[in-house]
Amino acid sequence: MEDLDYEDYLKFIYDEEKTMTEPKIEYESKIDKFILDSPEGERYYFRDYEGAEDFWMLNFKEDVSLDA
């Protein structure tokens, strides 16, 4: 991702067109990796399913709340 200031980052993570309701994680046996397809069209590779799922939850999950 290109350099963004904090306001641009918040707009990016809360943009409904770029969020996912369910992660699309597939295992590719030829490379022994799990692949996460992101909403912006990029692919991310992980050694385990949990790593891919955690990354998805931190970056693309819809119901992120900063009020804790």
Protein backbone atom coordinates (compact mmCIF):
# COMPACT_ATOMS: atom_id res chain seq x y z
CA MET A 1 0.00 0.00 0.00
CA GLU A 2 1.24 3.47 -0.80
CA ASP A 3 2.03 6.07 1.87
CA LEU A 4 -1.22 7.30 3.43
CA ASP A 5 -1.88 9.65 6.29
CA TYR A 6 -4.08 8.46 9.15
CA GLU A 7 -7.34 9.92 7.80
CA ASP A 8 -6.78 8.26 4.42
CA TYR A 9 -6.02 4.99 6.21
CA LEU A 10 -9.29 5.17 8.16
CA LYS A 11 -11.21 5.87 4.96
CA PHE A 12 -9.51 2.86 3.35
CA ILE A 13 -10.27 0.39 6.14
CA TYR A 14 -13.89 1.56 6.51
CA ASP A 15 -14.64 1.63 2.77
CA GLU A 16 -17.48 -0.88 2.43
CA GLU A 17 -16.48 -1.78 -1.12
CA LYS A 18 -13.07 -2.95 0.10
CA THR A 19 -14.19 -4.98 3.10
CA MET A 20 -14.93 -8.68 3.11
CA THR A 21 -17.59 -10.54 5.06
CA GLU A 22 -15.77 -13.88 4.86
CA PRO A 23 -12.10 -14.54 4.17
CA LYS A 24 -11.24 -16.23 0.91
CA ILE A 25 -8.39 -18.47 2.02
CA GLU A 26 -7.27 -21.40 -0.10
CA TYR A 27 -4.48 -23.92 0.37
CA GLU A 28 -2.08 -24.40 -2.54
CA SER A 29 -0.30 -27.73 -2.15
CA LYS A 30 2.29 -27.03 -4.89
CA ILE A 31 3.83 -24.22 -2.84
CA ASP A 32 2.66 -25.49 0.59
CA LYS A 33 1.07 -22.12 1.47
CA PHE A 34 -2.33 -20.67 2.28
CA ILE A 35 -3.40 -17.87 -0.07
CA LEU A 36 -5.62 -14.97 0.97
CA ASP A 37 -7.20 -12.95 -1.86
CA SER A 38 -7.80 -9.40 -0.64
CA PRO A 39 -10.62 -7.10 -1.79
CA GLU A 40 -8.18 -4.82 -3.62
CA GLY A 41 -7.04 -7.76 -5.74
CA GLU A 42 -3.74 -8.54 -4.04
CA ARG A 43 -2.73 -12.02 -2.90
CA TYR A 44 -1.06 -12.73 0.43
CA TYR A 45 0.74 -15.98 1.27
CA PHE A 46 0.87 -17.60 4.71
CA ARG A 47 2.36 -20.71 6.25
CA ASP A 48 -0.78 -21.55 8.21
CA TYR A 49 -4.51 -20.90 8.01
CA GLU A 50 -4.61 -19.08 11.35
CA GLY A 51 -2.05 -16.52 10.16
CA ALA A 52 -4.10 -15.81 7.05
CA GLU A 53 -7.28 -15.55 9.10
CA ASP A 54 -5.69 -13.20 11.64
CA PHE A 55 -4.38 -10.98 8.85
CA TRP A 56 -7.84 -10.86 7.28
CA MET A 57 -9.47 -10.00 10.62
CA LEU A 58 -7.01 -7.17 11.25
CA ASN A 59 -7.20 -5.67 7.76
CA PHE A 60 -10.47 -6.52 6.04
CA LYS A 61 -13.14 -7.56 8.56
CA GLU A 62 -16.25 -5.37 8.40
CA ASP A 63 -17.21 -5.06 12.06
CA VAL A 64 -14.00 -3.48 13.33
CA SER A 65 -14.66 -1.19 16.26
CA LEU A 66 -12.10 1.23 17.64
CA ASP A 67 -14.33 2.00 20.65
CA ALA A 68 -13.09 -0.35 23.33
